[in-house]
Amino acid sequence: MEPEAIDINKLQYGLERLVEIIKQNGQFSASEIKEAAIADVKRHIGEQKVYDDITLVILKQKY
């Protein structure tokens, strides 16, 4: 499934960008990763209206 958030120039957020945010924040808690991802999506869409929900499931495995 692809992230569907689109910016003002109709550029889609994209899975690659989501994966990069997760990599950059992987050392943090699942809750903090979620917040970082949502903040990045909101930065991407800027002032665009959100027409759908934002759903993330973040699981971390403890070693």
PDB file of N, CA and C in Angstrom:
ATOM      1  N   MET A   1       0.830  -1.182   0.000  1.00  0.00           N
ATOM      2  CA  MET A   1       0.000   0.000   0.000  1.00  0.00           C
ATOM      3  C   MET A   1       0.878   1.251   0.000  1.00  0.00           C
ATOM      4  N   GLU A   2       0.558   2.213  -0.791  1.00  0.00           N
ATOM      5  CA  GLU A   2       1.323   3.463  -0.915  1.00  0.00           C
ATOM      6  C   GLU A   2       0.719   4.564  -0.062  1.00  0.00           C
ATOM      7  N   PRO A   3       1.571   5.329   0.606  1.00  0.00           N
ATOM      8  CA  PRO A   3       1.052   6.543   1.256  1.00  0.00           C
ATOM      9  C   PRO A   3       0.461   7.464   0.193  1.00  0.00           C
ATOM     10  N   GLU A   4      -0.700   8.023   0.446  1.00  0.00           N
ATOM     11  CA  GLU A   4      -1.428   8.788  -0.568  1.00  0.00           C
ATOM     12  C   GLU A   4      -1.402  10.296  -0.361  1.00  0.00           C
ATOM     13  N   ALA A   5      -0.681  10.793   0.635  1.00  0.00           N
ATOM     14  CA  ALA A   5      -0.660  12.229   0.898  1.00  0.00           C
ATOM     15  C   ALA A   5      -0.038  12.968  -0.285  1.00  0.00           C
ATOM     16  N   ILE A   6      -0.702  14.023  -0.726  1.00  0.00           N
ATOM     17  CA  ILE A   6      -0.252  14.784  -1.900  1.00  0.00           C
ATOM     18  C   ILE A   6      -0.034  16.240  -1.500  1.00  0.00           C
ATOM     19  N   ASP A   7       1.086  16.812  -1.978  1.00  0.00           N
ATOM     20  CA  ASP A   7       1.362  18.213  -1.668  1.00  0.00           C
ATOM     21  C   ASP A   7       0.677  19.132  -2.670  1.00  0.00           C
ATOM     22  N   ILE A   8       0.899  20.421  -2.532  1.00  0.00           N
ATOM     23  CA  ILE A   8       0.235  21.423  -3.378  1.00  0.00           C
ATOM     24  C   ILE A   8       0.589  21.264  -4.861  1.00  0.00           C
ATOM     25  N   ASN A   9       1.768  20.648  -5.141  1.00  0.00           N
ATOM     26  CA  ASN A   9       2.198  20.422  -6.522  1.00  0.00           C
ATOM     27  C   ASN A   9       1.779  19.046  -7.043  1.00  0.00           C
ATOM     28  N   LYS A  10       0.903  18.384  -6.267  1.00  0.00           N
ATOM     29  CA  LYS A  10       0.386  17.061  -6.608  1.00  0.00           C
ATOM     30  C   LYS A  10       1.466  15.974  -6.561  1.00  0.00           C
ATOM     31  N   LEU A  11       2.513  16.212  -5.753  1.00  0.00           N
ATOM     32  CA  LEU A  11       3.574  15.226  -5.551  1.00  0.00           C
ATOM     33  C   LEU A  11       3.167  14.320  -4.396  1.00  0.00           C
ATOM     34  N   GLN A  12       3.146  13.017  -4.666  1.00  0.00           N
ATOM     35  CA  GLN A  12       2.732  12.052  -3.653  1.00  0.00           C
ATOM     36  C   GLN A  12       3.848  11.853  -2.631  1.00  0.00           C
ATOM     37  N   TYR A  13       3.475  11.645  -1.378  1.00  0.00           N
ATOM     38  CA  TYR A  13       4.429  11.450  -0.284  1.00  0.00           C
ATOM     39  C   TYR A  13       5.350  10.270  -0.569  1.00  0.00           C
ATOM     40  N   GLY A  14       4.823   9.139  -0.833  1.00  0.00           N
ATOM     41  CA  GLY A  14       5.604   7.981  -1.267  1.00  0.00           C
ATOM     42  C   GLY A  14       6.151   7.101  -0.155  1.00  0.00           C
ATOM     43  N   LEU A  15       6.235   5.831  -0.459  1.00  0.00           N
ATOM     44  CA  LEU A  15       6.721   4.830   0.472  1.00  0.00           C
ATOM     45  C   LEU A  15       8.192   5.040   0.820  1.00  0.00           C
ATOM     46  N   GLU A  16       8.992   5.442  -0.153  1.00  0.00           N
ATOM     47  CA  GLU A  16      10.422   5.647   0.095  1.00  0.00           C
ATOM     48  C   GLU A  16      10.649   6.703   1.171  1.00  0.00           C
ATOM     49  N   ARG A  17       9.889   7.768   1.128  1.00  0.00           N
ATOM     50  CA  ARG A  17      10.027   8.835   2.121  1.00  0.00           C
ATOM     51  C   ARG A  17       9.609   8.333   3.500  1.00  0.00           C
ATOM     52  N   LEU A  18       8.531   7.571   3.572  1.00  0.00           N
ATOM     53  CA  LEU A  18       8.087   7.011   4.838  1.00  0.00           C
ATOM     54  C   LEU A  18       9.147   6.080   5.421  1.00  0.00           C
ATOM     55  N   VAL A  19       9.711   5.228   4.595  1.00  0.00           N
ATOM     56  CA  VAL A  19      10.756   4.305   5.050  1.00  0.00           C
ATOM     57  C   VAL A  19      11.955   5.087   5.580  1.00  0.00           C
ATOM     58  N   GLU A  20      12.331   6.153   4.904  1.00  0.00           N
ATOM     59  CA  GLU A  20      13.472   6.971   5.343  1.00  0.00           C
ATOM     60  C   GLU A  20      13.216   7.597   6.711  1.00  0.00           C
ATOM     61  N   ILE A  21      12.019   8.109   6.938  1.00  0.00           N
ATOM     62  CA  ILE A  21      11.672   8.693   8.243  1.00  0.00           C
ATOM     63  C   ILE A  21      11.739   7.620   9.331  1.00  0.00           C
ATOM     64  N   ILE A  22      11.260   6.428   9.028  1.00  0.00           N
ATOM     65  CA  ILE A  22      11.309   5.337  10.000  1.00  0.00           C
ATOM     66  C   ILE A  22      12.761   4.969  10.310  1.00  0.00           C
ATOM     67  N   LYS A  23      13.608   4.888   9.292  1.00  0.00           N
ATOM     68  CA  LYS A  23      15.034   4.602   9.506  1.00  0.00           C
ATOM     69  C   LYS A  23      15.687   5.675  10.375  1.00  0.00           C
ATOM     70  N   GLN A  24      15.387   6.938  10.086  1.00  0.00           N
ATOM     71  CA  GLN A  24      15.989   8.043  10.827  1.00  0.00           C
ATOM     72  C   GLN A  24      15.561   8.068  12.288  1.00  0.00           C
ATOM     73  N   ASN A  25      14.420   7.480  12.599  1.00  0.00           N
ATOM     74  CA  ASN A  25      13.871   7.531  13.954  1.00  0.00           C
ATOM     75  C   ASN A  25      13.766   6.155  14.607  1.00  0.00           C
ATOM     76  N   GLY A  26      14.401   5.163  14.022  1.00  0.00           N
ATOM     77  CA  GLY A  26      14.289   3.785  14.492  1.00  0.00           C
ATOM     78  C   GLY A  26      14.737   3.545  15.918  1.00  0.00           C
ATOM     79  N   GLN A  27      15.596   4.390  16.434  1.00  0.00           N
ATOM     80  CA  GLN A  27      16.097   4.202  17.801  1.00  0.00           C
ATOM     81  C   GLN A  27      15.097   4.683  18.858  1.00  0.00           C
ATOM     82  N   PHE A  28      14.051   5.374  18.443  1.00  0.00           N
ATOM     83  CA  PHE A  28      13.064   5.912  19.370  1.00  0.00           C
ATOM     84  C   PHE A  28      11.925   4.919  19.610  1.00  0.00           C
ATOM     85  N   SER A  29      11.043   5.260  20.518  1.00  0.00           N
ATOM     86  CA  SER A  29       9.890   4.403  20.816  1.00  0.00           C
ATOM     87  C   SER A  29       8.925   4.385  19.625  1.00  0.00           C
ATOM     88  N   ALA A  30       8.042   3.395  19.619  1.00  0.00           N
ATOM     89  CA  ALA A  30       7.035   3.305  18.551  1.00  0.00           C
ATOM     90  C   ALA A  30       6.194   4.571  18.503  1.00  0.00           C
ATOM     91  N   SER A  31       5.848   5.101  19.660  1.00  0.00           N
ATOM     92  CA  SER A  31       5.052   6.327  19.720  1.00  0.00           C
ATOM     93  C   SER A  31       5.803   7.518  19.111  1.00  0.00           C
ATOM     94  N   GLU A  32       7.083   7.606  19.400  1.00  0.00           N
ATOM     95  CA  GLU A  32       7.893   8.703  18.851  1.00  0.00           C
ATOM     96  C   GLU A  32       8.082   8.556  17.336  1.00  0.00           C
ATOM     97  N   ILE A  33       8.231   7.342  16.865  1.00  0.00           N
ATOM     98  CA  ILE A  33       8.328   7.101  15.418  1.00  0.00           C
ATOM     99  C   ILE A  33       7.030   7.521  14.744  1.00  0.00           C
ATOM    100  N   LYS A  34       5.911   7.161  15.352  1.00  0.00           N
ATOM    101  CA  LYS A  34       4.597   7.546  14.813  1.00  0.00           C
ATOM    102  C   LYS A  34       4.490   9.057  14.715  1.00  0.00           C
ATOM    103  N   GLU A  35       4.855   9.744  15.772  1.00  0.00           N
ATOM    104  CA  GLU A  35       4.777  11.210  15.777  1.00  0.00           C
ATOM    105  C   GLU A  35       5.683  11.820  14.711  1.00  0.00           C
ATOM    106  N   ALA A  36       6.884  11.273  14.533  1.00  0.00           N
ATOM    107  CA  ALA A  36       7.807  11.774  13.512  1.00  0.00           C
ATOM    108  C   ALA A  36       7.238  11.570  12.112  1.00  0.00           C
ATOM    109  N   ALA A  37       6.643  10.409  11.875  1.00  0.00           N
ATOM    110  CA  ALA A  37       6.068  10.112  10.561  1.00  0.00           C
ATOM    111  C   ALA A  37       4.890  11.027  10.263  1.00  0.00           C
ATOM    112  N   ILE A  38       4.005  11.211  11.233  1.00  0.00           N
ATOM    113  CA  ILE A  38       2.842  12.077  11.021  1.00  0.00           C
ATOM    114  C   ILE A  38       3.283  13.516  10.805  1.00  0.00           C
ATOM    115  N   ALA A  39       4.275  13.969  11.576  1.00  0.00           N
ATOM    116  CA  ALA A  39       4.788  15.334  11.406  1.00  0.00           C
ATOM    117  C   ALA A  39       5.368  15.519  10.004  1.00  0.00           C
ATOM    118  N   ASP A  40       6.072  14.499   9.490  1.00  0.00           N
ATOM    119  CA  ASP A  40       6.658  14.605   8.158  1.00  0.00           C
ATOM    120  C   ASP A  40       5.588  14.629   7.078  1.00  0.00           C
ATOM    121  N   VAL A  41       4.552  13.820   7.237  1.00  0.00           N
ATOM    122  CA  VAL A  41       3.434  13.846   6.275  1.00  0.00           C
ATOM    123  C   VAL A  41       2.793  15.231   6.277  1.00  0.00           C
ATOM    124  N   LYS A  42       2.577  15.783   7.466  1.00  0.00           N
ATOM    125  CA  LYS A  42       1.966  17.117   7.562  1.00  0.00           C
ATOM    126  C   LYS A  42       2.864  18.183   6.941  1.00  0.00           C
ATOM    127  N   ARG A  43       4.196  18.063   7.120  1.00  0.00           N
ATOM    128  CA  ARG A  43       5.122  18.997   6.454  1.00  0.00           C
ATOM    129  C   ARG A  43       4.986  18.873   4.943  1.00  0.00           C
ATOM    130  N   HIS A  44       4.866  17.647   4.471  1.00  0.00           N
ATOM    131  CA  HIS A  44       4.762  17.405   3.034  1.00  0.00           C
ATOM    132  C   HIS A  44       3.504  18.040   2.442  1.00  0.00           C
ATOM    133  N   ILE A  45       2.376  17.854   3.097  1.00  0.00           N
ATOM    134  CA  ILE A  45       1.134  18.372   2.515  1.00  0.00           C
ATOM    135  C   ILE A  45       0.961  19.868   2.755  1.00  0.00           C
ATOM    136  N   GLY A  46       1.706  20.421   3.720  1.00  0.00           N
ATOM    137  CA  GLY A  46       1.625  21.859   3.975  1.00  0.00           C
ATOM    138  C   GLY A  46       0.226  22.275   4.372  1.00  0.00           C
ATOM    139  N   GLU A  47      -0.306  23.246   3.656  1.00  0.00           N
ATOM    140  CA  GLU A  47      -1.634  23.789   3.970  1.00  0.00           C
ATOM    141  C   GLU A  47      -2.769  23.025   3.297  1.00  0.00           C
ATOM    142  N   GLN A  48      -2.412  21.947   2.574  1.00  0.00           N
ATOM    143  CA  GLN A  48      -3.443  21.139   1.922  1.00  0.00           C
ATOM    144  C   GLN A  48      -4.385  20.561   2.977  1.00  0.00           C
ATOM    145  N   LYS A  49      -5.644  20.433   2.631  1.00  0.00           N
ATOM    146  CA  LYS A  49      -6.631  19.841   3.529  1.00  0.00           C
ATOM    147  C   LYS A  49      -6.461  18.327   3.544  1.00  0.00           C
ATOM    148  N   VAL A  50      -6.588  17.717   4.725  1.00  0.00           N
ATOM    149  CA  VAL A  50      -6.533  16.271   4.858  1.00  0.00           C
ATOM    150  C   VAL A  50      -7.950  15.740   4.635  1.00  0.00           C
ATOM    151  N   TYR A  51      -8.118  14.953   3.577  1.00  0.00           N
ATOM    152  CA  TYR A  51      -9.436  14.431   3.216  1.00  0.00           C
ATOM    153  C   TYR A  51      -9.681  13.029   3.743  1.00  0.00           C
ATOM    154  N   ASP A  52      -8.670  12.408   4.264  1.00  0.00           N
ATOM    155  CA  ASP A  52      -8.789  11.037   4.731  1.00  0.00           C
ATOM    156  C   ASP A  52      -8.082  10.927   6.074  1.00  0.00           C
ATOM    157  N   ASP A  53      -8.222   9.788   6.715  1.00  0.00           N
ATOM    158  CA  ASP A  53      -7.545   9.604   7.989  1.00  0.00           C
ATOM    159  C   ASP A  53      -6.075   9.262   7.762  1.00  0.00           C
ATOM    160  N   ILE A  54      -5.306   9.366   8.820  1.00  0.00           N
ATOM    161  CA  ILE A  54      -3.903   8.951   8.795  1.00  0.00           C
ATOM    162  C   ILE A  54      -3.812   7.742   9.717  1.00  0.00           C
ATOM    163  N   THR A  55      -3.454   6.598   9.148  1.00  0.00           N
ATOM    164  CA  THR A  55      -3.388   5.374   9.924  1.00  0.00           C
ATOM    165  C   THR A  55      -1.979   4.797   9.835  1.00  0.00           C
ATOM    166  N   LEU A  56      -1.376   4.576  10.984  1.00  0.00           N
ATOM    167  CA  LEU A  56      -0.060   3.938  11.058  1.00  0.00           C
ATOM    168  C   LEU A  56      -0.111   2.849  12.110  1.00  0.00           C
ATOM    169  N   VAL A  57       0.546   1.747  11.826  1.00  0.00           N
ATOM    170  CA  VAL A  57       0.742   0.709  12.827  1.00  0.00           C
ATOM    171  C   VAL A  57       2.250   0.542  12.944  1.00  0.00           C
ATOM    172  N   ILE A  58       2.778   0.810  14.118  1.00  0.00           N
ATOM    173  CA  ILE A  58       4.217   0.740  14.313  1.00  0.00           C
ATOM    174  C   ILE A  58       4.489  -0.294  15.407  1.00  0.00           C
ATOM    175  N   LEU A  59       5.277  -1.282  15.060  1.00  0.00           N
ATOM    176  CA  LEU A  59       5.646  -2.348  15.997  1.00  0.00           C
ATOM    177  C   LEU A  59       7.157  -2.340  16.135  1.00  0.00           C
ATOM    178  N   LYS A  60       7.629  -2.499  17.355  1.00  0.00           N
ATOM    179  CA  LYS A  60       9.059  -2.605  17.604  1.00  0.00           C
ATOM    180  C   LYS A  60       9.315  -3.909  18.344  1.00  0.00           C
ATOM    181  N   GLN A  61      10.385  -4.565  17.980  1.00  0.00           N
ATOM    182  CA  GLN A  61      10.764  -5.796  18.635  1.00  0.00           C
ATOM    183  C   GLN A  61      11.898  -5.503  19.615  1.00  0.00           C
ATOM    184  N   LYS A  62      11.746  -5.970  20.831  1.00  0.00           N
ATOM    185  CA  LYS A  62      12.801  -5.822  21.836  1.00  0.00           C
ATOM    186  C   LYS A  62      13.732  -7.024  21.713  1.00  0.00           C
ATOM    187  N   TYR A  63      15.015  -6.757  21.804  1.00  0.00           N
ATOM    188  CA  TYR A  63      16.023  -7.842  21.720  1.00  0.00           C
ATOM    189  C   TYR A  63      16.532  -8.201  23.078  1.00  0.00           C
TER     190      TYR A  63
END
